[in-house]
């Protein structure tokens, strides 16, 4: 199958889509936000009962993508204006 995704999305957009897909449920404990808040789970306490799962997914991905990788693999930030169109 010959993909034409590169005709629709930029390389940064493809990277962003793949990163979001990988991080969507990373570390998910198998219960929902309401349960975590009512059970006073550490995720809920750490994230002030505000979308604990989503905040935890973001924090885990940040560590894996931004902290654990060697500097040579970090994204160039800030992005150039051409990346923000």
PDB file of N, CA and C in Angstrom:
ATOM      1  N   UNK A   1       0.845  -1.174   0.000  1.00  0.00           N
ATOM      2  CA  UNK A   1       0.000   0.000   0.000  1.00  0.00           C
ATOM      3  C   UNK A   1       0.895   1.244   0.000  1.00  0.00           C
ATOM      4  N   UNK A   2       0.643   2.131  -0.924  1.00  0.00           N
ATOM      5  CA  UNK A   2       1.444   3.346  -1.061  1.00  0.00           C
ATOM      6  C   UNK A   2       0.726   4.501  -0.354  1.00  0.00           C
ATOM      7  N   UNK A   3       1.269   4.960   0.768  1.00  0.00           N
ATOM      8  CA  UNK A   3       0.650   6.031   1.543  1.00  0.00           C
ATOM      9  C   UNK A   3       0.939   7.389   0.911  1.00  0.00           C
ATOM     10  N   UNK A   4      -0.069   8.229   0.920  1.00  0.00           N
ATOM     11  CA  UNK A   4       0.075   9.591   0.412  1.00  0.00           C
ATOM     12  C   UNK A   4      -0.080  10.606   1.552  1.00  0.00           C
ATOM     13  N   UNK A   5       0.109  10.112   2.788  1.00  0.00           N
ATOM     14  CA  UNK A   5      -0.070  10.960   3.953  1.00  0.00           C
ATOM     15  C   UNK A   5       0.852  12.180   3.903  1.00  0.00           C
ATOM     16  N   UNK A   6       2.038  12.017   3.343  1.00  0.00           N
ATOM     17  CA  UNK A   6       2.990  13.129   3.268  1.00  0.00           C
ATOM     18  C   UNK A   6       2.501  14.254   2.359  1.00  0.00           C
ATOM     19  N   UNK A   7       1.491  13.985   1.531  1.00  0.00           N
ATOM     20  CA  UNK A   7       0.917  15.023   0.669  1.00  0.00           C
ATOM     21  C   UNK A   7      -0.081  15.890   1.434  1.00  0.00           C
ATOM     22  N   UNK A   8      -0.577  15.368   2.549  1.00  0.00           N
ATOM     23  CA  UNK A   8      -1.598  16.071   3.327  1.00  0.00           C
ATOM     24  C   UNK A   8      -1.005  16.725   4.578  1.00  0.00           C
ATOM     25  N   UNK A   9      -0.069  16.012   5.234  1.00  0.00           N
ATOM     26  CA  UNK A   9       0.493  16.487   6.491  1.00  0.00           C
ATOM     27  C   UNK A   9       1.984  16.769   6.364  1.00  0.00           C
ATOM     28  N   UNK A  10       2.435  17.761   7.119  1.00  0.00           N
ATOM     29  CA  UNK A  10       3.875  18.046   7.180  1.00  0.00           C
ATOM     30  C   UNK A  10       4.550  16.985   8.054  1.00  0.00           C
ATOM     31  N   UNK A  11       5.870  16.954   8.029  1.00  0.00           N
ATOM     32  CA  UNK A  11       6.602  16.008   8.873  1.00  0.00           C
ATOM     33  C   UNK A  11       6.332  16.263  10.351  1.00  0.00           C
ATOM     34  N   UNK A  12       6.222  17.540  10.732  1.00  0.00           N
ATOM     35  CA  UNK A  12       5.934  17.876  12.124  1.00  0.00           C
ATOM     36  C   UNK A  12       4.540  17.382  12.508  1.00  0.00           C
ATOM     37  N   UNK A  13       3.567  17.530  11.610  1.00  0.00           N
ATOM     38  CA  UNK A  13       2.214  17.059  11.904  1.00  0.00           C
ATOM     39  C   UNK A  13       2.170  15.532  12.029  1.00  0.00           C
ATOM     40  N   UNK A  14       2.873  14.832  11.179  1.00  0.00           N
ATOM     41  CA  UNK A  14       2.932  13.372  11.271  1.00  0.00           C
ATOM     42  C   UNK A  14       3.572  12.957  12.588  1.00  0.00           C
ATOM     43  N   UNK A  15       4.671  13.610  12.954  1.00  0.00           N
ATOM     44  CA  UNK A  15       5.321  13.329  14.232  1.00  0.00           C
ATOM     45  C   UNK A  15       4.357  13.584  15.389  1.00  0.00           C
ATOM     46  N   UNK A  16       3.619  14.694  15.324  1.00  0.00           N
ATOM     47  CA  UNK A  16       2.683  15.050  16.389  1.00  0.00           C
ATOM     48  C   UNK A  16       1.552  14.038  16.506  1.00  0.00           C
ATOM     49  N   UNK A  17       1.024  13.598  15.387  1.00  0.00           N
ATOM     50  CA  UNK A  17      -0.056  12.607  15.384  1.00  0.00           C
ATOM     51  C   UNK A  17       0.429  11.288  15.990  1.00  0.00           C
ATOM     52  N   UNK A  18       1.614  10.845  15.579  1.00  0.00           N
ATOM     53  CA  UNK A  18       2.153   9.586  16.106  1.00  0.00           C
ATOM     54  C   UNK A  18       2.462   9.690  17.595  1.00  0.00           C
ATOM     55  N   UNK A  19       3.002  10.820  18.026  1.00  0.00           N
ATOM     56  CA  UNK A  19       3.303  11.022  19.448  1.00  0.00           C
ATOM     57  C   UNK A  19       2.018  11.018  20.268  1.00  0.00           C
ATOM     58  N   UNK A  20       0.990  11.695  19.767  1.00  0.00           N
ATOM     59  CA  UNK A  20      -0.300  11.728  20.472  1.00  0.00           C
ATOM     60  C   UNK A  20      -0.908  10.331  20.555  1.00  0.00           C
ATOM     61  N   UNK A  21      -0.802   9.569  19.479  1.00  0.00           N
ATOM     62  CA  UNK A  21      -1.346   8.204  19.480  1.00  0.00           C
ATOM     63  C   UNK A  21      -0.612   7.331  20.498  1.00  0.00           C
ATOM     64  N   UNK A  22       0.706   7.459  20.560  1.00  0.00           N
ATOM     65  CA  UNK A  22       1.488   6.671  21.519  1.00  0.00           C
ATOM     66  C   UNK A  22       1.166   7.061  22.957  1.00  0.00           C
ATOM     67  N   UNK A  23       0.964   8.345  23.191  1.00  0.00           N
ATOM     68  CA  UNK A  23       0.748   8.826  24.552  1.00  0.00           C
ATOM     69  C   UNK A  23      -0.684   8.784  25.016  1.00  0.00           C
ATOM     70  N   UNK A  24      -1.607   8.477  24.106  1.00  0.00           N
ATOM     71  CA  UNK A  24      -3.034   8.566  24.432  1.00  0.00           C
ATOM     72  C   UNK A  24      -3.410   7.784  25.684  1.00  0.00           C
ATOM     73  N   UNK A  25      -2.926   6.583  25.838  1.00  0.00           N
ATOM     74  CA  UNK A  25      -3.282   5.781  27.007  1.00  0.00           C
ATOM     75  C   UNK A  25      -2.070   5.247  27.765  1.00  0.00           C
ATOM     76  N   UNK A  26      -0.929   5.891  27.606  1.00  0.00           N
ATOM     77  CA  UNK A  26       0.269   5.422  28.302  1.00  0.00           C
ATOM     78  C   UNK A  26       0.044   5.456  29.816  1.00  0.00           C
ATOM     79  N   UNK A  27       0.355   4.351  30.474  1.00  0.00           N
ATOM     80  CA  UNK A  27       0.227   4.283  31.931  1.00  0.00           C
ATOM     81  C   UNK A  27      -1.191   4.203  32.449  1.00  0.00           C
ATOM     82  N   UNK A  28      -2.170   3.945  31.584  1.00  0.00           N
ATOM     83  CA  UNK A  28      -3.583   3.937  31.994  1.00  0.00           C
ATOM     84  C   UNK A  28      -3.852   2.790  32.972  1.00  0.00           C
ATOM     85  N   UNK A  29      -4.453   3.093  34.141  1.00  0.00           N
ATOM     86  CA  UNK A  29      -4.706   2.050  35.135  1.00  0.00           C
ATOM     87  C   UNK A  29      -5.987   1.248  34.896  1.00  0.00           C
ATOM     88  N   UNK A  30      -6.766   1.590  33.870  1.00  0.00           N
ATOM     89  CA  UNK A  30      -7.976   0.827  33.570  1.00  0.00           C
ATOM     90  C   UNK A  30      -9.231   1.312  34.271  1.00  0.00           C
ATOM     91  N   UNK A  31      -9.165   2.473  34.887  1.00  0.00           N
ATOM     92  CA  UNK A  31     -10.350   3.087  35.505  1.00  0.00           C
ATOM     93  C   UNK A  31     -10.466   4.518  34.991  1.00  0.00           C
ATOM     94  N   UNK A  32     -11.611   5.159  35.256  1.00  0.00           N
ATOM     95  CA  UNK A  32     -11.803   6.509  34.725  1.00  0.00           C
ATOM     96  C   UNK A  32     -11.455   7.598  35.752  1.00  0.00           C
ATOM     97  N   UNK A  33     -11.533   8.848  35.296  1.00  0.00           N
ATOM     98  CA  UNK A  33     -11.192   9.990  36.152  1.00  0.00           C
ATOM     99  C   UNK A  33     -12.071  10.058  37.396  1.00  0.00           C
ATOM    100  N   UNK A  34     -13.374   9.814  37.232  1.00  0.00           N
ATOM    101  CA  UNK A  34     -14.300   9.894  38.366  1.00  0.00           C
ATOM    102  C   UNK A  34     -13.877   8.908  39.457  1.00  0.00           C
ATOM    103  N   UNK A  35     -13.548   7.688  39.061  1.00  0.00           N
ATOM    104  CA  UNK A  35     -13.105   6.693  40.028  1.00  0.00           C
ATOM    105  C   UNK A  35     -11.840   7.161  40.753  1.00  0.00           C
ATOM    106  N   UNK A  36     -10.876   7.666  39.990  1.00  0.00           N
ATOM    107  CA  UNK A  36      -9.614   8.101  40.592  1.00  0.00           C
ATOM    108  C   UNK A  36      -9.833   9.210  41.614  1.00  0.00           C
ATOM    109  N   UNK A  37     -10.716  10.146  41.295  1.00  0.00           N
ATOM    110  CA  UNK A  37     -10.994  11.259  42.212  1.00  0.00           C
ATOM    111  C   UNK A  37     -11.676  10.743  43.476  1.00  0.00           C
ATOM    112  N   UNK A  38     -12.712   9.906  43.294  1.00  0.00           N
ATOM    113  CA  UNK A  38     -13.449   9.391  44.461  1.00  0.00           C
ATOM    114  C   UNK A  38     -12.581   8.490  45.333  1.00  0.00           C
ATOM    115  N   UNK A  39     -11.660   7.757  44.720  1.00  0.00           N
ATOM    116  CA  UNK A  39     -10.781   6.861  45.468  1.00  0.00           C
ATOM    117  C   UNK A  39      -9.567   7.589  46.046  1.00  0.00           C
ATOM    118  N   UNK A  40      -9.465   8.878  45.742  1.00  0.00           N
ATOM    119  CA  UNK A  40      -8.328   9.686  46.189  1.00  0.00           C
ATOM    120  C   UNK A  40      -6.993   9.060  45.748  1.00  0.00           C
ATOM    121  N   UNK A  41      -7.004   8.565  44.515  1.00  0.00           N
ATOM    122  CA  UNK A  41      -5.808   7.947  43.927  1.00  0.00           C
ATOM    123  C   UNK A  41      -4.705   8.994  43.796  1.00  0.00           C
ATOM    124  N   UNK A  42      -3.474   8.545  43.804  1.00  0.00           N
ATOM    125  CA  UNK A  42      -2.338   9.478  43.728  1.00  0.00           C
ATOM    126  C   UNK A  42      -2.367  10.328  42.460  1.00  0.00           C
ATOM    127  N   UNK A  43      -2.874   9.787  41.338  1.00  0.00           N
ATOM    128  CA  UNK A  43      -2.981  10.596  40.112  1.00  0.00           C
ATOM    129  C   UNK A  43      -3.905  11.781  40.350  1.00  0.00           C
ATOM    130  N   UNK A  44      -5.042  11.535  40.994  1.00  0.00           N
ATOM    131  CA  UNK A  44      -6.016  12.605  41.253  1.00  0.00           C
ATOM    132  C   UNK A  44      -5.432  13.635  42.213  1.00  0.00           C
ATOM    133  N   UNK A  45      -4.765  13.164  43.253  1.00  0.00           N
ATOM    134  CA  UNK A  45      -4.181  14.086  44.228  1.00  0.00           C
ATOM    135  C   UNK A  45      -3.066  14.919  43.598  1.00  0.00           C
ATOM    136  N   UNK A  46      -2.242  14.273  42.792  1.00  0.00           N
ATOM    137  CA  UNK A  46      -1.126  14.966  42.159  1.00  0.00           C
ATOM    138  C   UNK A  46      -1.603  16.034  41.180  1.00  0.00           C
ATOM    139  N   UNK A  47      -2.734  15.775  40.539  1.00  0.00           N
ATOM    140  CA  UNK A  47      -3.220  16.698  39.504  1.00  0.00           C
ATOM    141  C   UNK A  47      -4.461  17.462  39.952  1.00  0.00           C
ATOM    142  N   UNK A  48      -4.654  17.605  41.265  1.00  0.00           N
ATOM    143  CA  UNK A  48      -5.716  18.431  41.849  1.00  0.00           C
ATOM    144  C   UNK A  48      -7.107  18.067  41.345  1.00  0.00           C
ATOM    145  N   UNK A  49      -7.359  16.773  41.154  1.00  0.00           N
ATOM    146  CA  UNK A  49      -8.664  16.269  40.725  1.00  0.00           C
ATOM    147  C   UNK A  49      -9.110  16.816  39.366  1.00  0.00           C
ATOM    148  N   UNK A  50      -8.208  17.372  38.605  1.00  0.00           N
ATOM    149  CA  UNK A  50      -8.545  17.932  37.293  1.00  0.00           C
ATOM    150  C   UNK A  50      -7.982  17.025  36.198  1.00  0.00           C
ATOM    151  N   UNK A  51      -8.850  16.258  35.573  1.00  0.00           N
ATOM    152  CA  UNK A  51      -8.449  15.355  34.484  1.00  0.00           C
ATOM    153  C   UNK A  51      -7.171  14.596  34.843  1.00  0.00           C
ATOM    154  N   UNK A  52      -7.196  13.830  35.923  1.00  0.00           N
ATOM    155  CA  UNK A  52      -5.965  13.176  36.359  1.00  0.00           C
ATOM    156  C   UNK A  52      -5.346  12.256  35.304  1.00  0.00           C
ATOM    157  N   UNK A  53      -6.170  11.521  34.565  1.00  0.00           N
ATOM    158  CA  UNK A  53      -5.599  10.621  33.560  1.00  0.00           C
ATOM    159  C   UNK A  53      -4.908  11.397  32.445  1.00  0.00           C
ATOM    160  N   UNK A  54      -5.564  12.421  31.941  1.00  0.00           N
ATOM    161  CA  UNK A  54      -4.984  13.194  30.848  1.00  0.00           C
ATOM    162  C   UNK A  54      -3.698  13.885  31.289  1.00  0.00           C
ATOM    163  N   UNK A  55      -3.695  14.419  32.492  1.00  0.00           N
ATOM    164  CA  UNK A  55      -2.493  15.068  33.009  1.00  0.00           C
ATOM    165  C   UNK A  55      -1.375  14.058  33.245  1.00  0.00           C
ATOM    166  N   UNK A  56      -1.731  12.863  33.722  1.00  0.00           N
ATOM    167  CA  UNK A  56      -0.726  11.823  33.932  1.00  0.00           C
ATOM    168  C   UNK A  56      -0.138  11.379  32.597  1.00  0.00           C
ATOM    169  N   UNK A  57      -0.991  11.176  31.573  1.00  0.00           N
ATOM    170  CA  UNK A  57      -0.491  10.789  30.245  1.00  0.00           C
ATOM    171  C   UNK A  57       0.505  11.833  29.744  1.00  0.00           C
ATOM    172  N   UNK A  58       0.155  13.086  29.892  1.00  0.00           N
ATOM    173  CA  UNK A  58       1.018  14.184  29.443  1.00  0.00           C
ATOM    174  C   UNK A  58       2.342  14.183  30.210  1.00  0.00           C
ATOM    175  N   UNK A  59       2.272  14.006  31.512  1.00  0.00           N
ATOM    176  CA  UNK A  59       3.495  14.011  32.333  1.00  0.00           C
ATOM    177  C   UNK A  59       4.408  12.840  31.971  1.00  0.00           C
ATOM    178  N   UNK A  60       3.825  11.665  31.761  1.00  0.00           N
ATOM    179  CA  UNK A  60       4.632  10.491  31.401  1.00  0.00           C
ATOM    180  C   UNK A  60       5.285  10.703  30.044  1.00  0.00           C
ATOM    181  N   UNK A  61       4.520  11.196  29.077  1.00  0.00           N
ATOM    182  CA  UNK A  61       5.083  11.433  27.745  1.00  0.00           C
ATOM    183  C   UNK A  61       6.168  12.502  27.799  1.00  0.00           C
ATOM    184  N   UNK A  62       5.978  13.533  28.608  1.00  0.00           N
ATOM    185  CA  UNK A  62       6.993  14.577  28.741  1.00  0.00           C
ATOM    186  C   UNK A  62       8.312  13.965  29.208  1.00  0.00           C
ATOM    187  N   UNK A  63       8.232  13.111  30.223  1.00  0.00           N
ATOM    188  CA  UNK A  63       9.446  12.474  30.740  1.00  0.00           C
ATOM    189  C   UNK A  63      10.107  11.632  29.657  1.00  0.00           C
ATOM    190  N   UNK A  64       9.310  10.842  28.935  1.00  0.00           N
ATOM    191  CA  UNK A  64       9.884   9.948  27.935  1.00  0.00           C
ATOM    192  C   UNK A  64      10.393  10.686  26.696  1.00  0.00           C
ATOM    193  N   UNK A  65       9.694  11.730  26.279  1.00  0.00           N
ATOM    194  CA  UNK A  65      10.068  12.426  25.042  1.00  0.00           C
ATOM    195  C   UNK A  65      11.047  13.569  25.299  1.00  0.00           C
ATOM    196  N   UNK A  66      10.876  14.285  26.389  1.00  0.00           N
ATOM    197  CA  UNK A  66      11.676  15.502  26.599  1.00  0.00           C
ATOM    198  C   UNK A  66      12.805  15.352  27.609  1.00  0.00           C
ATOM    199  N   UNK A  67      12.691  14.426  28.521  1.00  0.00           N
ATOM    200  CA  UNK A  67      13.696  14.301  29.575  1.00  0.00           C
ATOM    201  C   UNK A  67      14.622  13.115  29.323  1.00  0.00           C
ATOM    202  N   UNK A  68      14.054  11.977  28.952  1.00  0.00           N
ATOM    203  CA  UNK A  68      14.847  10.750  28.816  1.00  0.00           C
ATOM    204  C   UNK A  68      15.687  10.696  27.548  1.00  0.00           C
ATOM    205  N   UNK A  69      15.268  11.400  26.518  1.00  0.00           N
ATOM    206  CA  UNK A  69      16.020  11.361  25.261  1.00  0.00           C
ATOM    207  C   UNK A  69      17.296  12.170  25.365  1.00  0.00           C
ATOM    208  N   UNK A  70      18.342  11.732  24.689  1.00  0.00           N
ATOM    209  CA  UNK A  70      19.566  12.544  24.677  1.00  0.00           C
ATOM    210  C   UNK A  70      19.307  13.862  23.960  1.00  0.00           C
ATOM    211  N   UNK A  71      20.015  14.927  24.322  1.00  0.00           N
ATOM    212  CA  UNK A  71      19.793  16.244  23.718  1.00  0.00           C
ATOM    213  C   UNK A  71      19.834  16.241  22.189  1.00  0.00           C
ATOM    214  N   UNK A  72      20.604  15.361  21.596  1.00  0.00           N
ATOM    215  CA  UNK A  72      20.694  15.341  20.126  1.00  0.00           C
ATOM    216  C   UNK A  72      19.373  14.957  19.474  1.00  0.00           C
ATOM    217  N   UNK A  73      18.453  14.347  20.243  1.00  0.00           N
ATOM    218  CA  UNK A  73      17.154  13.951  19.696  1.00  0.00           C
ATOM    219  C   UNK A  73      16.026  14.892  20.080  1.00  0.00           C
ATOM    220  N   UNK A  74      16.325  15.939  20.847  1.00  0.00           N
ATOM    221  CA  UNK A  74      15.282  16.889  21.240  1.00  0.00           C
ATOM    222  C   UNK A  74      14.794  17.683  20.038  1.00  0.00           C
ATOM    223  N   UNK A  75      13.525  18.071  20.085  1.00  0.00           N
ATOM    224  CA  UNK A  75      12.979  18.917  19.031  1.00  0.00           C
ATOM    225  C   UNK A  75      13.585  20.311  19.141  1.00  0.00           C
ATOM    226  N   UNK A  76      13.814  20.957  18.025  1.00  0.00           N
ATOM    227  CA  UNK A  76      14.303  22.337  18.091  1.00  0.00           C
ATOM    228  C   UNK A  76      13.169  23.263  18.539  1.00  0.00           C
ATOM    229  N   UNK A  77      13.323  23.848  19.687  1.00  0.00           N
ATOM    230  CA  UNK A  77      12.311  24.770  20.198  1.00  0.00           C
ATOM    231  C   UNK A  77      12.942  26.115  20.459  1.00  0.00           C
ATOM    232  N   UNK A  78      12.316  27.234  20.256  1.00  0.00           N
ATOM    233  CA  UNK A  78      10.948  27.320  19.740  1.00  0.00           C
ATOM    234  C   UNK A  78      10.904  26.957  18.266  1.00  0.00           C
ATOM    235  N   UNK A  79       9.719  26.538  17.823  1.00  0.00           N
ATOM    236  CA  UNK A  79       9.545  26.185  16.426  1.00  0.00           C
ATOM    237  C   UNK A  79       9.617  27.431  15.562  1.00  0.00           C
ATOM    238  N   UNK A  80      10.085  27.251  14.367  1.00  0.00           N
ATOM    239  CA  UNK A  80      10.142  28.382  13.450  1.00  0.00           C
ATOM    240  C   UNK A  80       8.737  28.726  12.977  1.00  0.00           C
ATOM    241  N   UNK A  81       8.514  29.944  12.485  1.00  0.00           N
ATOM    242  CA  UNK A  81       7.177  30.333  11.997  1.00  0.00           C
ATOM    243  C   UNK A  81       6.619  29.368  10.946  1.00  0.00           C
ATOM    244  N   UNK A  82       7.488  28.739  10.158  1.00  0.00           N
ATOM    245  CA  UNK A  82       7.006  27.807   9.125  1.00  0.00           C
ATOM    246  C   UNK A  82       6.354  26.582   9.744  1.00  0.00           C
ATOM    247  N   UNK A  83       6.710  26.244  10.997  1.00  0.00           N
ATOM    248  CA  UNK A  83       6.116  25.082  11.665  1.00  0.00           C
ATOM    249  C   UNK A  83       4.771  25.392  12.312  1.00  0.00           C
ATOM    250  N   UNK A  84       4.431  26.644  12.429  1.00  0.00           N
ATOM    251  CA  UNK A  84       3.204  27.004  13.136  1.00  0.00           C
ATOM    252  C   UNK A  84       2.044  27.316  12.199  1.00  0.00           C
ATOM    253  N   UNK A  85       2.257  27.205  10.919  1.00  0.00           N
ATOM    254  CA  UNK A  85       1.171  27.466   9.953  1.00  0.00           C
ATOM    255  C   UNK A  85       0.175  26.333   9.930  1.00  0.00           C
TER     256      UNK A  85
END
